[in-house]
N, C-alpha and C. Protein backbone atom coordinates (compact mmCIF):
# COMPACT_ATOMS: atom_id res chain seq x y z
N MET A 1 34.02 5.15 -9.47
CA MET A 1 34.64 4.21 -8.55
C MET A 1 35.54 4.98 -7.59
N LYS A 2 35.46 4.61 -6.33
CA LYS A 2 36.31 5.20 -5.29
C LYS A 2 37.24 4.10 -4.80
N ILE A 3 38.54 4.35 -4.92
CA ILE A 3 39.55 3.36 -4.54
C ILE A 3 40.42 3.95 -3.44
N PHE A 4 40.50 3.22 -2.33
CA PHE A 4 41.33 3.64 -1.20
C PHE A 4 42.50 2.68 -1.08
N LEU A 5 43.72 3.21 -1.08
CA LEU A 5 44.92 2.40 -0.89
C LEU A 5 45.36 2.54 0.55
N ILE A 6 45.50 1.41 1.22
CA ILE A 6 45.93 1.41 2.61
C ILE A 6 47.17 0.55 2.76
N GLY A 7 47.90 0.75 3.85
CA GLY A 7 49.08 -0.05 4.12
C GLY A 7 50.05 0.71 4.99
N MET A 8 51.13 0.08 5.29
CA MET A 8 52.15 0.65 6.15
C MET A 8 52.78 1.89 5.51
N PRO A 9 53.35 2.77 6.35
CA PRO A 9 54.15 3.87 5.79
C PRO A 9 55.26 3.27 4.92
N GLY A 10 55.45 3.84 3.75
CA GLY A 10 56.50 3.35 2.86
C GLY A 10 56.09 2.17 1.99
N SER A 11 54.81 1.82 2.00
CA SER A 11 54.36 0.66 1.21
C SER A 11 54.14 1.02 -0.26
N GLY A 12 54.19 2.30 -0.60
CA GLY A 12 54.05 2.70 -2.00
C GLY A 12 52.66 3.19 -2.36
N LYS A 13 51.85 3.48 -1.37
CA LYS A 13 50.47 3.92 -1.64
C LYS A 13 50.43 5.16 -2.52
N SER A 14 51.22 6.16 -2.18
CA SER A 14 51.21 7.42 -2.94
C SER A 14 51.79 7.23 -4.34
N THR A 15 52.91 6.56 -4.43
CA THR A 15 53.57 6.35 -5.73
C THR A 15 52.69 5.52 -6.65
N PHE A 16 52.23 4.38 -6.15
CA PHE A 16 51.40 3.50 -6.98
C PHE A 16 50.05 4.15 -7.28
N GLY A 17 49.48 4.82 -6.28
CA GLY A 17 48.18 5.46 -6.47
C GLY A 17 48.21 6.53 -7.54
N LYS A 18 49.25 7.33 -7.55
CA LYS A 18 49.39 8.39 -8.56
C LYS A 18 49.51 7.77 -9.95
N THR A 19 50.33 6.74 -10.08
CA THR A 19 50.50 6.05 -11.36
C THR A 19 49.18 5.45 -11.83
N LEU A 20 48.49 4.78 -10.93
CA LEU A 20 47.21 4.16 -11.26
C LEU A 20 46.19 5.22 -11.68
N ALA A 21 46.12 6.31 -10.94
CA ALA A 21 45.18 7.39 -11.27
C ALA A 21 45.49 8.00 -12.64
N ASP A 22 46.77 8.20 -12.93
CA ASP A 22 47.16 8.75 -14.24
C ASP A 22 46.72 7.82 -15.36
N LYS A 23 46.96 6.52 -15.19
CA LYS A 23 46.61 5.56 -16.24
C LYS A 23 45.10 5.44 -16.42
N LEU A 24 44.36 5.59 -15.34
CA LEU A 24 42.90 5.47 -15.40
C LEU A 24 42.21 6.81 -15.62
N MET A 25 43.02 7.87 -15.70
CA MET A 25 42.50 9.23 -15.85
C MET A 25 41.48 9.56 -14.75
N MET A 26 41.87 9.26 -13.53
CA MET A 26 41.04 9.54 -12.36
C MET A 26 41.74 10.57 -11.49
N ASP A 27 40.97 11.24 -10.66
CA ASP A 27 41.56 12.16 -9.69
C ASP A 27 42.34 11.36 -8.66
N PHE A 28 43.42 11.95 -8.16
CA PHE A 28 44.23 11.30 -7.13
C PHE A 28 44.33 12.22 -5.93
N PHE A 29 44.15 11.65 -4.77
CA PHE A 29 44.32 12.38 -3.51
C PHE A 29 45.30 11.62 -2.63
N ASP A 30 46.26 12.34 -2.11
CA ASP A 30 47.16 11.82 -1.08
C ASP A 30 46.66 12.44 0.21
N LEU A 31 46.08 11.64 1.09
CA LEU A 31 45.42 12.18 2.27
C LEU A 31 46.37 13.00 3.14
N ASP A 32 47.60 12.53 3.33
CA ASP A 32 48.55 13.31 4.13
C ASP A 32 48.84 14.66 3.49
N LYS A 33 48.99 14.69 2.17
CA LYS A 33 49.26 15.96 1.47
C LYS A 33 48.06 16.90 1.57
N GLU A 34 46.86 16.35 1.52
CA GLU A 34 45.65 17.17 1.68
C GLU A 34 45.60 17.79 3.07
N ILE A 35 45.96 17.01 4.08
CA ILE A 35 45.99 17.53 5.45
C ILE A 35 47.03 18.65 5.55
N GLU A 36 48.22 18.41 4.99
CA GLU A 36 49.27 19.43 5.02
C GLU A 36 48.82 20.71 4.33
N ARG A 37 48.16 20.57 3.20
CA ARG A 37 47.70 21.74 2.45
C ARG A 37 46.68 22.54 3.26
N ARG A 38 45.75 21.85 3.86
CA ARG A 38 44.69 22.53 4.59
C ARG A 38 45.16 23.11 5.93
N GLU A 39 46.14 22.47 6.53
CA GLU A 39 46.67 22.94 7.81
C GLU A 39 47.85 23.90 7.63
N SER A 40 48.38 23.97 6.42
CA SER A 40 49.56 24.79 6.12
C SER A 40 50.75 24.41 6.99
N LEU A 41 50.85 23.11 7.28
CA LEU A 41 51.96 22.57 8.07
C LEU A 41 52.27 21.16 7.59
N PRO A 42 53.54 20.76 7.64
CA PRO A 42 53.86 19.36 7.36
C PRO A 42 53.28 18.44 8.44
N VAL A 43 53.01 17.20 8.09
CA VAL A 43 52.44 16.24 9.04
C VAL A 43 53.26 16.18 10.32
N GLN A 44 54.57 16.14 10.19
CA GLN A 44 55.43 16.04 11.38
C GLN A 44 55.20 17.22 12.33
N GLU A 45 55.04 18.42 11.78
CA GLU A 45 54.80 19.59 12.64
C GLU A 45 53.41 19.56 13.25
N ILE A 46 52.43 19.04 12.53
CA ILE A 46 51.08 18.91 13.09
C ILE A 46 51.15 17.99 14.31
N PHE A 47 51.83 16.85 14.17
CA PHE A 47 52.00 15.92 15.29
C PHE A 47 52.68 16.62 16.46
N HIS A 48 53.75 17.35 16.16
CA HIS A 48 54.55 17.99 17.21
C HIS A 48 53.79 19.13 17.90
N GLU A 49 53.13 19.97 17.10
CA GLU A 49 52.49 21.17 17.65
C GLU A 49 51.07 20.93 18.17
N LYS A 50 50.34 20.03 17.53
CA LYS A 50 48.92 19.87 17.88
C LYS A 50 48.59 18.49 18.42
N GLY A 51 49.51 17.53 18.26
CA GLY A 51 49.30 16.20 18.80
C GLY A 51 48.70 15.22 17.81
N GLU A 52 48.92 13.93 18.10
CA GLU A 52 48.41 12.90 17.21
C GLU A 52 46.89 12.87 17.17
N GLU A 53 46.23 13.07 18.30
CA GLU A 53 44.76 13.01 18.32
C GLU A 53 44.16 14.08 17.40
N TYR A 54 44.70 15.29 17.46
CA TYR A 54 44.23 16.36 16.56
C TYR A 54 44.41 15.92 15.11
N PHE A 55 45.59 15.39 14.80
CA PHE A 55 45.88 14.94 13.44
C PHE A 55 44.87 13.89 13.00
N ARG A 56 44.60 12.90 13.85
CA ARG A 56 43.69 11.81 13.49
C ARG A 56 42.27 12.32 13.25
N ILE A 57 41.85 13.30 14.04
CA ILE A 57 40.52 13.88 13.84
C ILE A 57 40.45 14.60 12.50
N ARG A 58 41.46 15.41 12.19
CA ARG A 58 41.50 16.12 10.90
C ARG A 58 41.58 15.13 9.74
N GLU A 59 42.36 14.08 9.91
CA GLU A 59 42.51 13.04 8.89
C GLU A 59 41.14 12.45 8.55
N GLN A 60 40.38 12.11 9.57
CA GLN A 60 39.07 11.51 9.39
C GLN A 60 38.10 12.51 8.75
N GLU A 61 38.14 13.75 9.18
CA GLU A 61 37.25 14.78 8.61
C GLU A 61 37.53 14.98 7.13
N ILE A 62 38.80 15.08 6.78
CA ILE A 62 39.18 15.33 5.38
C ILE A 62 38.90 14.11 4.52
N LEU A 63 39.14 12.91 5.04
CA LEU A 63 38.81 11.67 4.34
C LEU A 63 37.32 11.66 3.97
N ARG A 64 36.47 11.95 4.92
CA ARG A 64 35.02 11.94 4.67
C ARG A 64 34.61 13.05 3.70
N GLU A 65 35.20 14.21 3.86
CA GLU A 65 34.86 15.34 2.99
C GLU A 65 35.21 15.04 1.53
N ILE A 66 36.43 14.57 1.29
CA ILE A 66 36.85 14.24 -0.08
C ILE A 66 35.95 13.15 -0.66
N THR A 67 35.66 12.14 0.14
CA THR A 67 34.84 11.02 -0.33
C THR A 67 33.43 11.47 -0.69
N GLN A 68 32.87 12.34 0.11
CA GLN A 68 31.50 12.78 -0.14
C GLN A 68 31.41 13.80 -1.28
N GLN A 69 32.50 14.51 -1.57
CA GLN A 69 32.46 15.54 -2.61
C GLN A 69 32.94 15.05 -3.98
N ASN A 70 33.42 13.83 -4.07
CA ASN A 70 33.97 13.32 -5.33
C ASN A 70 33.37 11.95 -5.63
N HIS A 71 33.04 11.73 -6.91
CA HIS A 71 32.40 10.48 -7.30
C HIS A 71 33.38 9.39 -7.69
N SER A 72 34.53 9.78 -8.17
CA SER A 72 35.49 8.81 -8.68
C SER A 72 36.90 9.31 -8.41
N PHE A 73 37.67 8.51 -7.70
CA PHE A 73 39.04 8.92 -7.36
C PHE A 73 39.83 7.73 -6.83
N ILE A 74 41.12 7.95 -6.72
CA ILE A 74 42.01 7.04 -6.01
C ILE A 74 42.64 7.85 -4.89
N MET A 75 42.64 7.27 -3.69
CA MET A 75 43.21 7.97 -2.54
C MET A 75 44.25 7.09 -1.86
N ALA A 76 45.42 7.68 -1.64
CA ALA A 76 46.44 7.06 -0.79
C ALA A 76 46.21 7.60 0.61
N THR A 77 45.84 6.71 1.53
CA THR A 77 45.62 7.15 2.91
C THR A 77 46.96 7.15 3.64
N GLY A 78 46.99 7.79 4.78
CA GLY A 78 48.14 7.65 5.65
C GLY A 78 48.13 6.24 6.23
N GLY A 79 49.26 5.76 6.68
CA GLY A 79 49.34 4.40 7.20
C GLY A 79 48.39 4.11 8.34
N GLY A 80 48.15 5.09 9.19
CA GLY A 80 47.27 4.89 10.34
C GLY A 80 45.82 5.23 10.10
N ALA A 81 45.52 5.86 8.98
CA ALA A 81 44.16 6.35 8.74
C ALA A 81 43.06 5.31 8.93
N PRO A 82 43.23 4.08 8.44
CA PRO A 82 42.13 3.11 8.60
C PRO A 82 41.87 2.70 10.05
N CYS A 83 42.82 2.97 10.92
CA CYS A 83 42.78 2.43 12.28
C CYS A 83 42.12 3.34 13.31
N PHE A 84 41.64 4.50 12.89
CA PHE A 84 41.10 5.47 13.83
C PHE A 84 39.73 5.97 13.37
N HIS A 85 38.87 6.27 14.33
CA HIS A 85 37.58 6.94 14.09
C HIS A 85 36.70 6.22 13.06
N GLN A 86 36.70 4.91 13.09
CA GLN A 86 35.86 4.09 12.19
C GLN A 86 36.10 4.38 10.71
N SER A 87 37.28 4.87 10.39
CA SER A 87 37.58 5.22 9.00
C SER A 87 37.59 4.00 8.09
N MET A 88 38.04 2.84 8.58
CA MET A 88 38.06 1.65 7.74
C MET A 88 36.64 1.25 7.36
N ASP A 89 35.73 1.23 8.31
CA ASP A 89 34.34 0.88 8.00
C ASP A 89 33.75 1.87 6.99
N PHE A 90 34.08 3.14 7.15
CA PHE A 90 33.60 4.16 6.22
C PHE A 90 34.12 3.88 4.81
N MET A 91 35.42 3.62 4.68
CA MET A 91 36.00 3.37 3.35
C MET A 91 35.43 2.10 2.73
N LEU A 92 35.25 1.05 3.53
CA LEU A 92 34.69 -0.20 3.02
C LEU A 92 33.28 0.01 2.47
N ALA A 93 32.52 0.88 3.11
CA ALA A 93 31.15 1.15 2.66
C ALA A 93 31.10 2.07 1.44
N GLU A 94 32.10 2.93 1.29
CA GLU A 94 32.08 3.95 0.24
C GLU A 94 32.78 3.55 -1.06
N GLY A 95 33.69 2.59 -1.01
CA GLY A 95 34.44 2.26 -2.22
C GLY A 95 35.18 0.94 -2.08
N LYS A 96 36.21 0.79 -2.88
CA LYS A 96 37.05 -0.40 -2.84
C LYS A 96 38.31 -0.09 -2.05
N VAL A 97 38.62 -0.93 -1.09
CA VAL A 97 39.80 -0.74 -0.24
C VAL A 97 40.82 -1.81 -0.61
N LEU A 98 42.01 -1.35 -1.01
CA LEU A 98 43.10 -2.25 -1.39
C LEU A 98 44.24 -2.10 -0.39
N PHE A 99 44.63 -3.20 0.22
CA PHE A 99 45.74 -3.22 1.17
C PHE A 99 47.01 -3.62 0.42
N LEU A 100 47.98 -2.69 0.36
CA LEU A 100 49.28 -2.99 -0.25
C LEU A 100 50.14 -3.65 0.82
N ASP A 101 50.25 -4.96 0.76
CA ASP A 101 50.94 -5.76 1.77
C ASP A 101 52.39 -5.96 1.36
N ILE A 102 53.22 -5.04 1.80
CA ILE A 102 54.63 -5.00 1.41
C ILE A 102 55.48 -5.51 2.57
N SER A 103 56.56 -6.21 2.26
CA SER A 103 57.41 -6.79 3.31
C SER A 103 58.04 -5.72 4.19
N LEU A 104 58.28 -6.08 5.45
CA LEU A 104 58.93 -5.15 6.37
C LEU A 104 60.31 -4.74 5.87
N GLU A 105 61.01 -5.66 5.22
CA GLU A 105 62.35 -5.36 4.71
C GLU A 105 62.29 -4.26 3.66
N THR A 106 61.33 -4.35 2.74
CA THR A 106 61.17 -3.33 1.71
C THR A 106 60.78 -2.00 2.33
N ILE A 107 59.84 -2.03 3.25
CA ILE A 107 59.41 -0.80 3.92
C ILE A 107 60.58 -0.17 4.66
N PHE A 108 61.35 -0.97 5.37
CA PHE A 108 62.51 -0.47 6.10
C PHE A 108 63.47 0.25 5.16
N GLU A 109 63.76 -0.37 4.02
CA GLU A 109 64.66 0.25 3.04
C GLU A 109 64.13 1.60 2.57
N ARG A 110 62.82 1.71 2.41
CA ARG A 110 62.22 2.94 1.90
C ARG A 110 62.16 4.06 2.94
N VAL A 111 61.98 3.71 4.21
CA VAL A 111 61.75 4.76 5.22
C VAL A 111 62.93 5.02 6.14
N GLN A 112 64.00 4.23 6.04
CA GLN A 112 65.07 4.35 7.03
C GLN A 112 65.73 5.72 7.08
N ASN A 113 65.73 6.46 6.00
CA ASN A 113 66.34 7.79 6.01
C ASN A 113 65.31 8.92 5.95
N SER A 114 64.05 8.57 6.15
CA SER A 114 62.98 9.56 6.08
C SER A 114 62.94 10.41 7.34
N THR A 115 62.70 11.70 7.14
CA THR A 115 62.55 12.60 8.29
C THR A 115 61.14 13.16 8.37
N ASP A 116 60.27 12.77 7.45
CA ASP A 116 58.93 13.35 7.43
C ASP A 116 57.83 12.38 7.88
N ARG A 117 58.21 11.34 8.58
CA ARG A 117 57.24 10.38 9.10
C ARG A 117 57.30 10.43 10.62
N PRO A 118 56.36 11.11 11.25
CA PRO A 118 56.47 11.41 12.68
C PRO A 118 56.55 10.19 13.59
N LEU A 119 55.92 9.09 13.22
CA LEU A 119 55.96 7.92 14.10
C LEU A 119 57.23 7.09 13.91
N LEU A 120 58.05 7.45 12.91
CA LEU A 120 59.23 6.65 12.60
C LEU A 120 60.53 7.44 12.67
N ALA A 121 60.46 8.74 12.80
CA ALA A 121 61.65 9.59 12.70
C ALA A 121 62.62 9.39 13.85
N LEU A 122 63.88 9.68 13.57
CA LEU A 122 64.95 9.74 14.57
C LEU A 122 65.12 8.46 15.38
N GLN A 123 65.19 7.35 14.69
CA GLN A 123 65.41 6.08 15.37
C GLN A 123 66.60 5.37 14.74
N SER A 124 67.31 4.58 15.54
CA SER A 124 68.39 3.76 15.00
C SER A 124 67.77 2.71 14.08
N SER A 125 68.60 2.08 13.25
CA SER A 125 68.10 1.06 12.33
C SER A 125 67.38 -0.06 13.07
N GLU A 126 67.99 -0.52 14.16
CA GLU A 126 67.39 -1.61 14.93
C GLU A 126 66.05 -1.18 15.53
N ALA A 127 66.02 0.02 16.11
CA ALA A 127 64.79 0.52 16.72
C ALA A 127 63.71 0.75 15.67
N LEU A 128 64.12 1.23 14.50
CA LEU A 128 63.16 1.48 13.42
C LEU A 128 62.54 0.17 12.95
N LEU A 129 63.36 -0.85 12.73
CA LEU A 129 62.83 -2.13 12.28
C LEU A 129 61.88 -2.72 13.33
N GLU A 130 62.25 -2.59 14.59
CA GLU A 130 61.39 -3.07 15.67
C GLU A 130 60.07 -2.28 15.70
N ARG A 131 60.16 -0.96 15.54
CA ARG A 131 58.97 -0.10 15.54
C ARG A 131 58.05 -0.43 14.37
N LEU A 132 58.63 -0.64 13.19
CA LEU A 132 57.82 -1.01 12.02
C LEU A 132 57.08 -2.32 12.27
N GLY A 133 57.78 -3.30 12.86
CA GLY A 133 57.15 -4.58 13.17
C GLY A 133 55.99 -4.43 14.14
N LYS A 134 56.19 -3.58 15.14
CA LYS A 134 55.14 -3.35 16.14
C LYS A 134 53.93 -2.65 15.51
N ILE A 135 54.19 -1.63 14.69
CA ILE A 135 53.09 -0.92 14.02
C ILE A 135 52.32 -1.88 13.13
N ARG A 136 53.04 -2.69 12.36
CA ARG A 136 52.39 -3.66 11.47
C ARG A 136 51.51 -4.62 12.27
N GLU A 137 52.05 -5.12 13.36
CA GLU A 137 51.30 -6.06 14.20
C GLU A 137 50.02 -5.41 14.74
N GLU A 138 50.12 -4.16 15.17
CA GLU A 138 48.97 -3.43 15.72
C GLU A 138 47.90 -3.17 14.65
N ARG A 139 48.31 -2.95 13.43
CA ARG A 139 47.38 -2.52 12.38
C ARG A 139 46.89 -3.64 11.47
N LEU A 140 47.54 -4.78 11.49
CA LEU A 140 47.26 -5.82 10.51
C LEU A 140 45.80 -6.29 10.54
N SER A 141 45.21 -6.41 11.71
CA SER A 141 43.82 -6.88 11.76
C SER A 141 42.88 -5.90 11.06
N VAL A 142 43.19 -4.62 11.11
CA VAL A 142 42.38 -3.62 10.40
C VAL A 142 42.69 -3.68 8.90
N TYR A 143 43.96 -3.69 8.54
CA TYR A 143 44.34 -3.75 7.13
C TYR A 143 43.71 -4.96 6.43
N ASN A 144 43.66 -6.09 7.14
CA ASN A 144 43.15 -7.33 6.54
C ASN A 144 41.65 -7.30 6.26
N LYS A 145 40.95 -6.27 6.69
CA LYS A 145 39.53 -6.12 6.38
C LYS A 145 39.32 -5.59 4.96
N ALA A 146 40.38 -5.18 4.30
CA ALA A 146 40.28 -4.60 2.95
C ALA A 146 39.56 -5.56 2.00
N HIS A 147 38.96 -4.99 0.97
CA HIS A 147 38.31 -5.81 -0.05
C HIS A 147 39.32 -6.73 -0.73
N SER A 148 40.53 -6.22 -0.94
CA SER A 148 41.58 -7.00 -1.60
C SER A 148 42.92 -6.73 -0.93
N ILE A 149 43.71 -7.79 -0.83
CA ILE A 149 45.06 -7.69 -0.29
C ILE A 149 46.01 -7.94 -1.45
N ILE A 150 46.87 -6.96 -1.71
CA ILE A 150 47.80 -7.07 -2.84
C ILE A 150 49.20 -7.23 -2.28
N GLU A 151 49.77 -8.39 -2.52
CA GLU A 151 51.13 -8.66 -2.05
C GLU A 151 52.14 -7.97 -2.95
N GLU A 152 53.32 -7.76 -2.40
CA GLU A 152 54.39 -7.03 -3.09
C GLU A 152 54.64 -7.57 -4.50
N LYS A 153 54.68 -8.87 -4.66
CA LYS A 153 54.98 -9.48 -5.96
C LYS A 153 53.88 -9.21 -6.99
N ASP A 154 52.68 -8.88 -6.52
CA ASP A 154 51.54 -8.66 -7.42
C ASP A 154 51.25 -7.19 -7.69
N LEU A 155 52.06 -6.30 -7.15
CA LEU A 155 51.77 -4.87 -7.24
C LEU A 155 52.14 -4.33 -8.62
N THR A 156 51.29 -4.65 -9.60
CA THR A 156 51.45 -4.16 -10.97
C THR A 156 50.13 -3.57 -11.43
N PHE A 157 50.21 -2.70 -12.40
CA PHE A 157 49.01 -2.08 -12.94
C PHE A 157 48.05 -3.13 -13.48
N SER A 158 48.56 -4.08 -14.27
CA SER A 158 47.68 -5.07 -14.89
C SER A 158 47.00 -5.95 -13.85
N TYR A 159 47.72 -6.34 -12.82
CA TYR A 159 47.12 -7.17 -11.77
C TYR A 159 46.01 -6.41 -11.05
N VAL A 160 46.29 -5.17 -10.68
CA VAL A 160 45.29 -4.38 -9.95
C VAL A 160 44.08 -4.09 -10.83
N MET A 161 44.29 -3.82 -12.11
CA MET A 161 43.16 -3.59 -13.02
C MET A 161 42.29 -4.84 -13.11
N ASP A 162 42.92 -5.98 -13.26
CA ASP A 162 42.17 -7.23 -13.33
C ASP A 162 41.37 -7.44 -12.04
N LEU A 163 41.99 -7.17 -10.93
CA LEU A 163 41.35 -7.30 -9.62
C LEU A 163 40.14 -6.36 -9.52
N LEU A 164 40.32 -5.12 -9.92
CA LEU A 164 39.22 -4.15 -9.85
C LEU A 164 38.08 -4.51 -10.79
N LEU A 165 38.41 -4.97 -11.97
CA LEU A 165 37.38 -5.35 -12.93
C LEU A 165 36.60 -6.56 -12.45
N ARG A 166 37.31 -7.52 -11.85
CA ARG A 166 36.63 -8.70 -11.30
C ARG A 166 35.70 -8.31 -10.16
N LYS A 167 36.13 -7.36 -9.35
CA LYS A 167 35.32 -6.93 -8.20
C LYS A 167 34.11 -6.13 -8.66
N GLU A 168 34.21 -5.47 -9.82
CA GLU A 168 33.12 -4.64 -10.31
C GLU A 168 32.08 -5.45 -11.07
N SER A 169 32.49 -6.55 -11.68
CA SER A 169 31.55 -7.29 -12.52
C SER A 169 30.62 -8.15 -11.66
N PRO A 170 29.38 -8.37 -12.14
CA PRO A 170 28.45 -9.21 -11.37
C PRO A 170 28.95 -10.64 -11.34
N GLN A 171 28.68 -11.32 -10.25
CA GLN A 171 29.19 -12.69 -10.11
C GLN A 171 28.10 -13.70 -10.35
């Protein structure tokens, strides 16, 4: 089974994905960390030195490479990954896509002091909250294509396992 976790920056994709992978004894990939490892640069520096378009192209290449070389895994994508280069359609065809739909307030609390998120860094609290709202609005139509939408209150291991098992069983 291939499981892709999508959602806003700070929605918990990496944290929840790692926990889920450990419990299921599956491989875990954090797409941003894979990009950093292969580029030998943090995401923020890739954006600064090579530009967002370069980053998005590498993101899509690495997403496809990992997916094609591994049979079973959980992947935390970057927040923007589904929105570029037909990556959402690719993930939908290759595995199960779960959208972690977390409130803007929770996301704001998690990312407000972050310096490693290039699209959110160095903003006042008001500007950051406004920027998060704008990003969410721009991406929501893509995120909502996911096989399953998991709201904040439902983000538990047992709920997600039940959801995955229901999706896997014949109807």
